Amino acid sequence: MTAVFCFKCGEKNEFPDRVPLRAECSKCGEDLHVCKCCQFYDPKVYNECREPQAEVVHDKERSNRCEYFQPAGPGGKVSGNNKDALLSAAEALFKKKT
């Protein structure tokens, strides 16, 4: 089961597998396969996305076809396992070689 939290109202929406491209929030009707519901969304970085290979998406609140979309937790937070994986990848990337 895959859960995605609406960026607008915070409602938890569940899907049997992946979040469909045209998925809408069951409470407010907003699109769910959007940048603002993704764990890579970060308004403080270039292109507002921490995934360097993702294509530029101009409207972060509209449905898009980004292949790197991964649902974030409540309030846009990265879930525990994904957060640990991202941290490990960053540490490996910047690890000082001797």
C-alpha atoms as a PDB file:
ATOM      1  CA  MET A   1       0.000   0.000   0.000  1.00  0.00           C
ATOM      2  CA  THR A   2       1.316   3.444  -0.926  1.00  0.00           C
ATOM      3  CA  ALA A   3       0.209   6.510   1.009  1.00  0.00           C
ATOM      4  CA  VAL A   4       0.481  10.117  -0.108  1.00  0.00           C
ATOM      5  CA  PHE A   5      -0.508  13.142   1.948  1.00  0.00           C
ATOM      6  CA  CYS A   6      -2.205  16.060   0.201  1.00  0.00           C
ATOM      7  CA  PHE A   7      -0.041  19.190   0.191  1.00  0.00           C
ATOM      8  CA  LYS A   8      -3.151  21.380   0.487  1.00  0.00           C
ATOM      9  CA  CYS A   9      -5.277  19.788   3.246  1.00  0.00           C
ATOM     10  CA  GLY A  10      -2.987  17.063   4.663  1.00  0.00           C
ATOM     11  CA  GLU A  11      -5.440  14.216   3.967  1.00  0.00           C
ATOM     12  CA  LYS A  12      -3.854  10.753   3.765  1.00  0.00           C
ATOM     13  CA  ASN A  13      -4.714   9.016   0.477  1.00  0.00           C
ATOM     14  CA  GLU A  14      -3.813   5.353  -0.062  1.00  0.00           C
ATOM     15  CA  PHE A  15      -3.269   3.421  -3.279  1.00  0.00           C
ATOM     16  CA  PRO A  16      -2.649  -0.318  -3.813  1.00  0.00           C
ATOM     17  CA  ASP A  17       0.624   0.267  -5.678  1.00  0.00           C
ATOM     18  CA  ARG A  18       1.998   3.525  -7.081  1.00  0.00           C
ATOM     19  CA  VAL A  19       0.325   6.921  -6.973  1.00  0.00           C
ATOM     20  CA  PRO A  20      -1.478   7.303 -10.336  1.00  0.00           C
ATOM     21  CA  LEU A  21      -0.582  10.314 -12.493  1.00  0.00           C
ATOM     22  CA  ARG A  22      -4.148  11.642 -12.336  1.00  0.00           C
ATOM     23  CA  ALA A  23      -4.771  10.860  -8.642  1.00  0.00           C
ATOM     24  CA  GLU A  24      -6.793  13.441  -6.721  1.00  0.00           C
ATOM     25  CA  CYS A  25      -7.210  14.013  -2.995  1.00  0.00           C
ATOM     26  CA  SER A  26     -10.316  12.312  -1.637  1.00  0.00           C
ATOM     27  CA  LYS A  27     -11.038  15.320   0.593  1.00  0.00           C
ATOM     28  CA  CYS A  28     -10.249  18.487  -1.414  1.00  0.00           C
ATOM     29  CA  GLY A  29      -9.777  17.255  -5.007  1.00  0.00           C
ATOM     30  CA  GLU A  30      -6.214  18.577  -5.483  1.00  0.00           C
ATOM     31  CA  ASP A  31      -3.778  16.638  -7.683  1.00  0.00           C
ATOM     32  CA  LEU A  32      -1.544  14.238  -5.714  1.00  0.00           C
ATOM     33  CA  HIS A  33       1.184  13.246  -8.203  1.00  0.00           C
ATOM     34  CA  VAL A  34       2.774  16.683  -7.767  1.00  0.00           C
ATOM     35  CA  CYS A  35       6.125  18.078  -6.663  1.00  0.00           C
ATOM     36  CA  LYS A  36       4.744  19.382  -3.374  1.00  0.00           C
ATOM     37  CA  CYS A  37       3.758  15.811  -2.350  1.00  0.00           C
ATOM     38  CA  CYS A  38       7.171  14.360  -3.245  1.00  0.00           C
ATOM     39  CA  GLN A  39      10.031  13.588  -0.863  1.00  0.00           C
ATOM     40  CA  PHE A  40      12.455  15.338  -3.249  1.00  0.00           C
ATOM     41  CA  TYR A  41      10.573  18.660  -3.167  1.00  0.00           C
ATOM     42  CA  ASP A  42      12.628  21.342  -1.410  1.00  0.00           C
ATOM     43  CA  PRO A  43      11.926  25.036  -2.045  1.00  0.00           C
ATOM     44  CA  LYS A  44      15.464  25.921  -0.864  1.00  0.00           C
ATOM     45  CA  VAL A  45      17.383  24.116  -3.616  1.00  0.00           C
ATOM     46  CA  TYR A  46      17.866  24.645  -7.347  1.00  0.00           C
ATOM     47  CA  ASN A  47      14.698  23.848  -9.286  1.00  0.00           C
ATOM     48  CA  GLU A  48      13.046  23.143  -5.904  1.00  0.00           C
ATOM     49  CA  CYS A  49      14.025  19.474  -6.304  1.00  0.00           C
ATOM     50  CA  ARG A  50      16.743  17.417  -4.579  1.00  0.00           C
ATOM     51  CA  GLU A  51      16.717  14.844  -7.415  1.00  0.00           C
ATOM     52  CA  PRO A  52      19.398  16.173  -9.804  1.00  0.00           C
ATOM     53  CA  GLN A  53      18.216  14.130 -12.812  1.00  0.00           C
ATOM     54  CA  ALA A  54      14.582  15.250 -12.666  1.00  0.00           C
ATOM     55  CA  GLU A  55      13.302  17.478 -15.446  1.00  0.00           C
ATOM     56  CA  VAL A  56      12.209  21.008 -14.607  1.00  0.00           C
ATOM     57  CA  VAL A  57       8.571  21.232 -13.504  1.00  0.00           C
ATOM     58  CA  HIS A  58       7.275  24.797 -13.437  1.00  0.00           C
ATOM     59  CA  ASP A  59       3.956  24.303 -11.644  1.00  0.00           C
ATOM     60  CA  LYS A  60       4.718  22.383  -8.444  1.00  0.00           C
ATOM     61  CA  GLU A  61       1.013  22.009  -7.567  1.00  0.00           C
ATOM     62  CA  ARG A  62      -0.174  20.392 -10.826  1.00  0.00           C
ATOM     63  CA  SER A  63      -0.005  16.746 -11.841  1.00  0.00           C
ATOM     64  CA  ASN A  64       3.207  15.877 -13.712  1.00  0.00           C
ATOM     65  CA  ARG A  65       4.930  12.855 -15.228  1.00  0.00           C
ATOM     66  CA  CYS A  66       8.112  12.939 -13.149  1.00  0.00           C
ATOM     67  CA  GLU A  67       9.566   9.430 -12.997  1.00  0.00           C
ATOM     68  CA  TYR A  68      11.366  10.175  -9.721  1.00  0.00           C
ATOM     69  CA  PHE A  69       8.193  10.927  -7.729  1.00  0.00           C
ATOM     70  CA  GLN A  70       8.276   9.378  -4.250  1.00  0.00           C
ATOM     71  CA  PRO A  71       5.498  10.290  -1.798  1.00  0.00           C
ATOM     72  CA  ALA A  72       6.627  12.280   1.219  1.00  0.00           C
ATOM     73  CA  GLY A  73       5.239  11.797   4.702  1.00  0.00           C
ATOM     74  CA  PRO A  74       2.770  14.081   6.488  1.00  0.00           C
ATOM     75  CA  GLY A  75       3.617  17.743   6.030  1.00  0.00           C
ATOM     76  CA  GLY A  76       6.044  16.903   3.207  1.00  0.00           C
ATOM     77  CA  LYS A  77       8.480  15.085   5.492  1.00  0.00           C
ATOM     78  CA  VAL A  78      10.662  12.298   4.183  1.00  0.00           C
ATOM     79  CA  SER A  79       9.735   8.963   5.714  1.00  0.00           C
ATOM     80  CA  GLY A  80      12.282   7.249   7.981  1.00  0.00           C
ATOM     81  CA  ASN A  81      13.635   4.633   5.561  1.00  0.00           C
ATOM     82  CA  ASN A  82      13.916   7.052   2.663  1.00  0.00           C
ATOM     83  CA  LYS A  83      15.513   9.713   4.866  1.00  0.00           C
ATOM     84  CA  ASP A  84      18.151   7.226   6.033  1.00  0.00           C
ATOM     85  CA  ALA A  85      18.825   6.144   2.457  1.00  0.00           C
ATOM     86  CA  LEU A  86      19.229   9.736   1.300  1.00  0.00           C
ATOM     87  CA  LEU A  87      21.548  10.551   4.197  1.00  0.00           C
ATOM     88  CA  SER A  88      23.686   7.477   3.504  1.00  0.00           C
ATOM     89  CA  ALA A  89      23.928   8.357  -0.178  1.00  0.00           C
ATOM     90  CA  ALA A  90      24.967  11.926   0.634  1.00  0.00           C
ATOM     91  CA  GLU A  91      27.596  10.754   3.124  1.00  0.00           C
ATOM     92  CA  ALA A  92      29.015   8.290   0.582  1.00  0.00           C
ATOM     93  CA  LEU A  93      29.162  11.006  -2.051  1.00  0.00           C
ATOM     94  CA  PHE A  94      31.121  13.425   0.145  1.00  0.00           C
ATOM     95  CA  LYS A  95      33.218  10.858   2.012  1.00  0.00           C
ATOM     96  CA  LYS A  96      36.832  11.911   2.203  1.00  0.00           C
ATOM     97  CA  LYS A  97      39.113   9.499   0.360  1.00  0.00           C
ATOM     98  CA  THR A  98      42.455   8.692   1.970  1.00  0.00           C
END
